[in-house]
C-alpha atoms as a PDB file:
ATOM      1  CA  UNK A   1      -5.177 140.848 141.555  1.00  0.00           C
ATOM      2  CA  UNK A   2      -6.551 137.669 142.079  1.00  0.00           C
ATOM      3  CA  UNK A   3      -8.571 137.400 139.001  1.00  0.00           C
ATOM      4  CA  UNK A   4      -5.704 138.402 136.822  1.00  0.00           C
ATOM      5  CA  UNK A   5      -3.494 135.517 138.360  1.00  0.00           C
ATOM      6  CA  UNK A   6      -6.134 133.041 137.374  1.00  0.00           C
ATOM      7  CA  UNK A   7      -6.997 134.470 134.136  1.00  0.00           C
ATOM      8  CA  UNK A   8      -2.882 133.770 133.403  1.00  0.00           C
ATOM      9  CA  UNK A   9      -2.983 130.290 135.282  1.00  0.00           C
ATOM     10  CA  UNK A  10      -5.834 129.440 132.798  1.00  0.00           C
ATOM     11  CA  UNK A  11      -4.302 130.888 129.887  1.00  0.00           C
ATOM     12  CA  UNK A  12      -0.676 128.788 130.874  1.00  0.00           C
ATOM     13  CA  UNK A  13      -2.786 125.555 131.013  1.00  0.00           C
ATOM     14  CA  UNK A  14      -4.200 125.997 127.566  1.00  0.00           C
ATOM     15  CA  UNK A  15      -0.987 126.971 126.275  1.00  0.00           C
ATOM     16  CA  UNK A  16      -0.095 122.933 127.632  1.00  0.00           C
ATOM     17  CA  UNK A  17      -2.221 121.359 125.005  1.00  0.00           C
ATOM     18  CA  UNK A  18       0.700 122.812 122.306  1.00  0.00           C
ATOM     19  CA  UNK A  19       3.587 123.857 124.989  1.00  0.00           C
ATOM     20  CA  UNK A  20       4.610 122.409 128.032  1.00  0.00           C
ATOM     21  CA  UNK A  21       4.859 125.670 129.526  1.00  0.00           C
ATOM     22  CA  UNK A  22       4.220 129.467 129.559  1.00  0.00           C
ATOM     23  CA  UNK A  23       7.625 130.297 129.856  1.00  0.00           C
ATOM     24  CA  UNK A  24      11.200 129.383 127.551  1.00  0.00           C
ATOM     25  CA  UNK A  25      14.383 129.679 128.947  1.00  0.00           C
ATOM     26  CA  UNK A  26      17.298 131.310 127.490  1.00  0.00           C
ATOM     27  CA  UNK A  27      20.740 132.294 128.331  1.00  0.00           C
ATOM     28  CA  UNK A  28      20.780 129.873 131.533  1.00  0.00           C
ATOM     29  CA  UNK A  29      22.967 127.647 133.518  1.00  0.00           C
ATOM     30  CA  UNK A  30      20.533 125.087 135.514  1.00  0.00           C
ATOM     31  CA  UNK A  31      21.734 122.649 137.819  1.00  0.00           C
ATOM     32  CA  UNK A  32      20.018 119.427 139.835  1.00  0.00           C
ATOM     33  CA  UNK A  33      22.053 118.166 142.593  1.00  0.00           C
ATOM     34  CA  UNK A  34      20.352 114.850 143.295  1.00  0.00           C
ATOM     35  CA  UNK A  35      21.142 112.067 145.983  1.00  0.00           C
ATOM     36  CA  UNK A  36      20.285 108.205 145.382  1.00  0.00           C
ATOM     37  CA  UNK A  37      18.175 108.621 148.267  1.00  0.00           C
ATOM     38  CA  UNK A  38      16.288 111.322 146.702  1.00  0.00           C
ATOM     39  CA  UNK A  39      17.455 115.080 148.272  1.00  0.00           C
ATOM     40  CA  UNK A  40      17.600 117.696 145.785  1.00  0.00           C
ATOM     41  CA  UNK A  41      18.618 120.966 145.449  1.00  0.00           C
ATOM     42  CA  UNK A  42      17.578 122.851 142.176  1.00  0.00           C
ATOM     43  CA  UNK A  43      19.432 126.285 140.874  1.00  0.00           C
ATOM     44  CA  UNK A  44      18.519 128.116 137.735  1.00  0.00           C
ATOM     45  CA  UNK A  45      19.997 131.554 137.074  1.00  0.00           C
ATOM     46  CA  UNK A  46      19.453 132.901 133.276  1.00  0.00           C
ATOM     47  CA  UNK A  47      16.226 134.561 131.402  1.00  0.00           C
ATOM     48  CA  UNK A  48      12.599 133.517 131.101  1.00  0.00           C
ATOM     49  CA  UNK A  49      10.497 134.588 128.358  1.00  0.00           C
ATOM     50  CA  UNK A  50       6.648 134.598 128.935  1.00  0.00           C
ATOM     51  CA  UNK A  51       5.451 133.196 125.151  1.00  0.00           C
ATOM     52  CA  UNK A  52       2.310 135.135 124.842  1.00  0.00           C
ATOM     53  CA  UNK A  53       3.041 138.800 124.952  1.00  0.00           C
ATOM     54  CA  UNK A  54       5.448 138.241 122.178  1.00  0.00           C
ATOM     55  CA  UNK A  55       2.219 137.459 120.125  1.00  0.00           C
ATOM     56  CA  UNK A  56       0.782 139.935 121.365  1.00  0.00           C
ATOM     57  CA  UNK A  57       4.224 142.443 120.682  1.00  0.00           C
ATOM     58  CA  UNK A  58       3.890 140.939 117.114  1.00  0.00           C
ATOM     59  CA  UNK A  59       0.115 141.056 116.553  1.00  0.00           C
ATOM     60  CA  UNK A  60       0.408 145.119 117.878  1.00  0.00           C
ATOM     61  CA  UNK A  61      -1.170 144.379 120.577  1.00  0.00           C
ATOM     62  CA  UNK A  62       1.105 145.930 122.687  1.00  0.00           C
ATOM     63  CA  UNK A  63       0.982 149.725 123.277  1.00  0.00           C
ATOM     64  CA  UNK A  64       2.553 152.235 124.996  1.00  0.00           C
ATOM     65  CA  UNK A  65      -1.036 152.362 127.392  1.00  0.00           C
ATOM     66  CA  UNK A  66      -1.068 148.875 128.252  1.00  0.00           C
ATOM     67  CA  UNK A  67       2.599 147.407 128.338  1.00  0.00           C
ATOM     68  CA  UNK A  68       3.568 148.318 131.500  1.00  0.00           C
ATOM     69  CA  UNK A  69       0.245 146.629 133.350  1.00  0.00           C
ATOM     70  CA  UNK A  70       0.651 143.412 130.984  1.00  0.00           C
ATOM     71  CA  UNK A  71       4.538 143.255 132.088  1.00  0.00           C
ATOM     72  CA  UNK A  72       3.310 143.505 135.956  1.00  0.00           C
ATOM     73  CA  UNK A  73       1.143 140.678 135.234  1.00  0.00           C
ATOM     74  CA  UNK A  74       3.843 138.753 134.566  1.00  0.00           C
ATOM     75  CA  UNK A  75       5.849 139.753 137.315  1.00  0.00           C
ATOM     76  CA  UNK A  76       2.957 138.835 139.962  1.00  0.00           C
ATOM     77  CA  UNK A  77       2.987 136.022 137.975  1.00  0.00           C
ATOM     78  CA  UNK A  78       6.426 134.691 138.695  1.00  0.00           C
ATOM     79  CA  UNK A  79       7.182 136.070 142.422  1.00  0.00           C
ATOM     80  CA  UNK A  80       4.103 133.442 143.650  1.00  0.00           C
ATOM     81  CA  UNK A  81       6.757 131.049 143.237  1.00  0.00           C
ATOM     82  CA  UNK A  82       8.874 131.003 146.779  1.00  0.00           C
ATOM     83  CA  UNK A  83      11.891 129.309 145.044  1.00  0.00           C
ATOM     84  CA  UNK A  84      12.290 133.089 143.312  1.00  0.00           C
ATOM     85  CA  UNK A  85      10.226 135.244 145.964  1.00  0.00           C
ATOM     86  CA  UNK A  86      10.878 133.441 149.278  1.00  0.00           C
ATOM     87  CA  UNK A  87       8.214 133.568 152.219  1.00  0.00           C
ATOM     88  CA  UNK A  88       9.779 134.823 155.341  1.00  0.00           C
ATOM     89  CA  UNK A  89       9.460 132.222 158.223  1.00  0.00           C
ATOM     90  CA  UNK A  90       9.264 132.261 162.193  1.00  0.00           C
ATOM     91  CA  UNK A  91      11.502 130.588 164.537  1.00  0.00           C
ATOM     92  CA  UNK A  92       9.870 127.500 164.074  1.00  0.00           C
ATOM     93  CA  UNK A  93      10.096 128.114 160.369  1.00  0.00           C
ATOM     94  CA  UNK A  94       6.523 128.407 160.044  1.00  0.00           C
ATOM     95  CA  UNK A  95       5.570 130.713 157.293  1.00  0.00           C
ATOM     96  CA  UNK A  96       4.634 134.260 158.260  1.00  0.00           C
ATOM     97  CA  UNK A  97       1.216 135.596 156.942  1.00  0.00           C
ATOM     98  CA  UNK A  98      -0.130 139.009 157.064  1.00  0.00           C
ATOM     99  CA  UNK A  99      -2.926 138.997 159.188  1.00  0.00           C
ATOM    100  CA  UNK A 100      -5.135 141.518 157.161  1.00  0.00           C
ATOM    101  CA  UNK A 101      -4.674 139.545 153.772  1.00  0.00           C
ATOM    102  CA  UNK A 102      -3.758 135.827 154.877  1.00  0.00           C
ATOM    103  CA  UNK A 103      -1.104 136.088 152.417  1.00  0.00           C
ATOM    104  CA  UNK A 104       2.613 135.161 153.177  1.00  0.00           C
ATOM    105  CA  UNK A 105       4.977 137.696 154.120  1.00  0.00           C
ATOM    106  CA  UNK A 106       7.673 137.708 151.016  1.00  0.00           C
ATOM    107  CA  UNK A 107      11.156 138.768 151.438  1.00  0.00           C
ATOM    108  CA  UNK A 108      10.892 141.766 149.169  1.00  0.00           C
ATOM    109  CA  UNK A 109      14.746 142.789 149.045  1.00  0.00           C
ATOM    110  CA  UNK A 110      14.845 138.807 147.806  1.00  0.00           C
ATOM    111  CA  UNK A 111      12.244 139.349 145.060  1.00  0.00           C
ATOM    112  CA  UNK A 112      14.438 142.127 143.637  1.00  0.00           C
ATOM    113  CA  UNK A 113      17.633 140.309 144.092  1.00  0.00           C
ATOM    114  CA  UNK A 114      16.351 137.195 141.718  1.00  0.00           C
ATOM    115  CA  UNK A 115      13.404 138.824 139.632  1.00  0.00           C
ATOM    116  CA  UNK A 116      14.408 141.448 137.106  1.00  0.00           C
ATOM    117  CA  UNK A 117      12.682 142.818 134.371  1.00  0.00           C
ATOM    118  CA  UNK A 118      14.671 143.005 130.689  1.00  0.00           C
ATOM    119  CA  UNK A 119      12.047 144.128 128.869  1.00  0.00           C
ATOM    120  CA  UNK A 120       9.211 142.846 126.033  1.00  0.00           C
ATOM    121  CA  UNK A 121       8.585 140.100 128.381  1.00  0.00           C
ATOM    122  CA  UNK A 122      12.035 138.920 129.498  1.00  0.00           C
ATOM    123  CA  UNK A 123      12.896 138.334 133.019  1.00  0.00           C
ATOM    124  CA  UNK A 124      16.459 137.978 134.231  1.00  0.00           C
ATOM    125  CA  UNK A 125      15.796 135.126 137.197  1.00  0.00           C
ATOM    126  CA  UNK A 126      17.707 133.658 140.274  1.00  0.00           C
ATOM    127  CA  UNK A 127      16.300 130.187 141.420  1.00  0.00           C
ATOM    128  CA  UNK A 128      16.803 128.168 144.499  1.00  0.00           C
ATOM    129  CA  UNK A 129      14.683 124.763 145.430  1.00  0.00           C
ATOM    130  CA  UNK A 130      15.712 122.282 147.918  1.00  0.00           C
ATOM    131  CA  UNK A 131      14.060 119.791 149.405  1.00  0.00           C
ATOM    132  CA  UNK A 132      13.577 116.001 149.456  1.00  0.00           C
ATOM    133  CA  UNK A 133      11.352 114.000 146.862  1.00  0.00           C
ATOM    134  CA  UNK A 134       9.175 111.110 148.355  1.00  0.00           C
ATOM    135  CA  UNK A 135       7.168 108.496 146.879  1.00  0.00           C
ATOM    136  CA  UNK A 136       4.663 109.595 144.779  1.00  0.00           C
ATOM    137  CA  UNK A 137       5.938 113.108 144.623  1.00  0.00           C
ATOM    138  CA  UNK A 138       6.051 115.658 141.142  1.00  0.00           C
ATOM    139  CA  UNK A 139       8.414 118.148 141.707  1.00  0.00           C
ATOM    140  CA  UNK A 140       8.672 121.535 139.242  1.00  0.00           C
ATOM    141  CA  UNK A 141      11.619 124.116 138.287  1.00  0.00           C
ATOM    142  CA  UNK A 142       8.724 126.943 138.291  1.00  0.00           C
ATOM    143  CA  UNK A 143       4.992 126.255 139.117  1.00  0.00           C
ATOM    144  CA  UNK A 144       3.176 122.858 137.669  1.00  0.00           C
ATOM    145  CA  UNK A 145       1.267 125.558 135.030  1.00  0.00           C
ATOM    146  CA  UNK A 146       4.692 126.791 134.403  1.00  0.00           C
ATOM    147  CA  UNK A 147       6.970 124.204 134.263  1.00  0.00           C
ATOM    148  CA  UNK A 148      10.413 124.041 132.864  1.00  0.00           C
ATOM    149  CA  UNK A 149      11.780 121.197 134.282  1.00  0.00           C
ATOM    150  CA  UNK A 150       9.414 118.036 135.891  1.00  0.00           C
ATOM    151  CA  UNK A 151      10.569 115.278 138.455  1.00  0.00           C
ATOM    152  CA  UNK A 152       8.925 112.400 139.625  1.00  0.00           C
ATOM    153  CA  UNK A 153       9.199 109.769 141.916  1.00  0.00           C
ATOM    154  CA  UNK A 154       7.661 106.637 140.449  1.00  0.00           C
ATOM    155  CA  UNK A 155       5.805 103.723 142.093  1.00  0.00           C
ATOM    156  CA  UNK A 156       8.679 101.434 140.601  1.00  0.00           C
ATOM    157  CA  UNK A 157      11.196 102.811 142.637  1.00  0.00           C
ATOM    158  CA  UNK A 158      12.855 105.402 140.041  1.00  0.00           C
ATOM    159  CA  UNK A 159      13.204 109.005 139.835  1.00  0.00           C
ATOM    160  CA  UNK A 160      12.184 110.536 136.530  1.00  0.00           C
ATOM    161  CA  UNK A 161      13.354 113.613 134.551  1.00  0.00           C
ATOM    162  CA  UNK A 162      12.357 115.550 131.830  1.00  0.00           C
ATOM    163  CA  UNK A 163      12.501 118.908 130.156  1.00  0.00           C
ATOM    164  CA  UNK A 164      10.124 121.133 128.817  1.00  0.00           C
ATOM    165  CA  UNK A 165       9.658 119.782 125.543  1.00  0.00           C
ATOM    166  CA  UNK A 166       7.981 121.765 121.918  1.00  0.00           C
ATOM    167  CA  UNK A 167       6.215 120.643 119.597  1.00  0.00           C
ATOM    168  CA  UNK A 168       8.775 120.600 116.015  1.00  0.00           C
ATOM    169  CA  UNK A 169       6.450 123.275 114.363  1.00  0.00           C
ATOM    170  CA  UNK A 170       6.407 125.724 117.655  1.00  0.00           C
ATOM    171  CA  UNK A 171      10.068 124.998 118.015  1.00  0.00           C
ATOM    172  CA  UNK A 172      10.531 126.206 114.491  1.00  0.00           C
ATOM    173  CA  UNK A 173       8.262 129.179 115.265  1.00  0.00           C
ATOM    174  CA  UNK A 174      10.400 130.376 118.149  1.00  0.00           C
ATOM    175  CA  UNK A 175      13.576 130.079 115.759  1.00  0.00           C
ATOM    176  CA  UNK A 176      11.741 132.203 113.194  1.00  0.00           C
ATOM    177  CA  UNK A 177      11.129 134.916 115.943  1.00  0.00           C
ATOM    178  CA  UNK A 178      14.603 135.233 117.175  1.00  0.00           C
ATOM    179  CA  UNK A 179      14.324 133.048 120.309  1.00  0.00           C
ATOM    180  CA  UNK A 180      17.746 131.617 120.801  1.00  0.00           C
ATOM    181  CA  UNK A 181      16.839 129.236 124.190  1.00  0.00           C
ATOM    182  CA  UNK A 182      20.282 128.313 124.711  1.00  0.00           C
ATOM    183  CA  UNK A 183      21.924 126.984 128.064  1.00  0.00           C
ATOM    184  CA  UNK A 184      23.183 124.827 129.947  1.00  0.00           C
ATOM    185  CA  UNK A 185      21.366 121.805 132.753  1.00  0.00           C
ATOM    186  CA  UNK A 186      23.612 119.661 134.751  1.00  0.00           C
ATOM    187  CA  UNK A 187      22.490 116.785 136.971  1.00  0.00           C
ATOM    188  CA  UNK A 188      24.845 116.015 139.498  1.00  0.00           C
ATOM    189  CA  UNK A 189      24.320 112.792 141.345  1.00  0.00           C
ATOM    190  CA  UNK A 190      25.757 109.899 143.656  1.00  0.00           C
ATOM    191  CA  UNK A 191      23.589 107.379 142.026  1.00  0.00           C
ATOM    192  CA  UNK A 192      24.911 104.128 140.985  1.00  0.00           C
ATOM    193  CA  UNK A 193      21.981 102.727 139.139  1.00  0.00           C
ATOM    194  CA  UNK A 194      21.106 105.791 136.477  1.00  0.00           C
ATOM    195  CA  UNK A 195      18.940 103.749 134.068  1.00  0.00           C
ATOM    196  CA  UNK A 196      18.795 105.869 131.077  1.00  0.00           C
ATOM    197  CA  UNK A 197      19.587 109.466 129.912  1.00  0.00           C
ATOM    198  CA  UNK A 198      20.309 111.257 126.915  1.00  0.00           C
ATOM    199  CA  UNK A 199      23.078 114.237 128.099  1.00  0.00           C
ATOM    200  CA  UNK A 200      25.413 115.447 126.186  1.00  0.00           C
ATOM    201  CA  UNK A 201      28.339 114.644 127.973  1.00  0.00           C
ATOM    202  CA  UNK A 202      28.930 112.124 131.239  1.00  0.00           C
ATOM    203  CA  UNK A 203      31.755 112.876 133.518  1.00  0.00           C
ATOM    204  CA  UNK A 204      33.304 111.616 137.267  1.00  0.00           C
ATOM    205  CA  UNK A 205      33.845 114.514 139.741  1.00  0.00           C
ATOM    206  CA  UNK A 206      34.742 113.983 143.757  1.00  0.00           C
ATOM    207  CA  UNK A 207      33.046 110.825 144.124  1.00  0.00           C
ATOM    208  CA  UNK A 208      29.559 112.060 141.858  1.00  0.00           C
ATOM    209  CA  UNK A 209      28.873 111.710 137.978  1.00  0.00           C
ATOM    210  CA  UNK A 210      27.457 114.682 136.531  1.00  0.00           C
ATOM    211  CA  UNK A 211      25.252 114.353 133.390  1.00  0.00           C
ATOM    212  CA  UNK A 212      25.099 117.426 131.326  1.00  0.00           C
ATOM    213  CA  UNK A 213      22.841 119.126 128.536  1.00  0.00           C
ATOM    214  CA  UNK A 214      23.722 121.492 126.314  1.00  0.00           C
ATOM    215  CA  UNK A 215      21.036 123.269 124.972  1.00  0.00           C
ATOM    216  CA  UNK A 216      21.698 124.938 121.578  1.00  0.00           C
ATOM    217  CA  UNK A 217      17.977 126.254 120.527  1.00  0.00           C
ATOM    218  CA  UNK A 218      14.285 125.231 120.761  1.00  0.00           C
ATOM    219  CA  UNK A 219      15.048 122.412 118.363  1.00  0.00           C
ATOM    220  CA  UNK A 220      17.789 120.505 121.120  1.00  0.00           C
ATOM    221  CA  UNK A 221      16.115 117.391 122.922  1.00  0.00           C
ATOM    222  CA  UNK A 222      14.984 118.078 126.029  1.00  0.00           C
ATOM    223  CA  UNK A 223      16.578 116.187 129.322  1.00  0.00           C
ATOM    224  CA  UNK A 224      15.632 112.865 130.483  1.00  0.00           C
ATOM    225  CA  UNK A 225      17.082 111.249 132.954  1.00  0.00           C
ATOM    226  CA  UNK A 226      15.685 107.802 135.022  1.00  0.00           C
ATOM    227  CA  UNK A 227      17.451 106.414 138.024  1.00  0.00           C
ATOM    228  CA  UNK A 228      16.667 103.957 140.805  1.00  0.00           C
ATOM    229  CA  UNK A 229      16.294 105.239 143.979  1.00  0.00           C
ATOM    230  CA  UNK A 230      18.055 103.925 147.154  1.00  0.00           C
ATOM    231  CA  UNK A 231      16.303 103.893 150.392  1.00  0.00           C
ATOM    232  CA  UNK A 232      17.424 105.805 153.526  1.00  0.00           C
ATOM    233  CA  UNK A 233      19.405 104.152 155.595  1.00  0.00           C
ATOM    234  CA  UNK A 234      17.575 105.685 159.134  1.00  0.00           C
ATOM    235  CA  UNK A 235      18.238 104.833 162.708  1.00  0.00           C
ATOM    236  CA  UNK A 236      15.356 103.060 164.527  1.00  0.00           C
ATOM    237  CA  UNK A 237      14.028 106.318 166.113  1.00  0.00           C
ATOM    238  CA  UNK A 238      14.424 108.493 162.787  1.00  0.00           C
ATOM    239  CA  UNK A 239      12.127 109.459 160.138  1.00  0.00           C
ATOM    240  CA  UNK A 240      12.056 112.051 157.378  1.00  0.00           C
ATOM    241  CA  UNK A 241       9.049 113.777 157.817  1.00  0.00           C
ATOM    242  CA  UNK A 242       7.291 115.388 154.719  1.00  0.00           C
ATOM    243  CA  UNK A 243       6.394 119.102 154.947  1.00  0.00           C
ATOM    244  CA  UNK A 244       2.094 119.937 154.828  1.00  0.00           C
END
């Protein structure tokens, strides 16, 4: 299992030379709630498609004998993300580990709710991640070797957000393959210092501002967003501790 996971991770890194992710989203709604200080909550609900298996289907490399193994490998890759398949924690909030394998103990019921195999490399996913982005942090929607969205805390005091981008030739190939890559992404923030964005729509909602991107296909421009971070207003004995 470890060797297969490493092979898949290596393949994703190689894919990043031409594509920014091994996975492409489709039929999705995703939201990032981001405070002006850096507290965040990312959710995603929709489909993701593993790109490499599409080429294998096209080239006739997927057979009845090997199809299930290939799908299982994709499933194993996705459930490594604790925002999809959460880790069970003890009363102190520390992740529990299997004493025999030293692997995290997962909430299998949540895994089944959050990840559904739809066939031919397409999975329905529910994703939920929240935390605080510290100086120099890099946060991704899915893991760094399979990112759909990247959020970075920069040295100049800004937080930058960028969506997965495709080369025009790759995007055209996806269109030709019948992959729609349609969905909506929004950022909801109380920040008054948004420096740059390319949102499709912007509107106010209950003391916050919502930036909405409507993704109509692989050729749609990826979301881009930069805002100025505001320092946390902490008391003399208060501090935010970065998780280990």
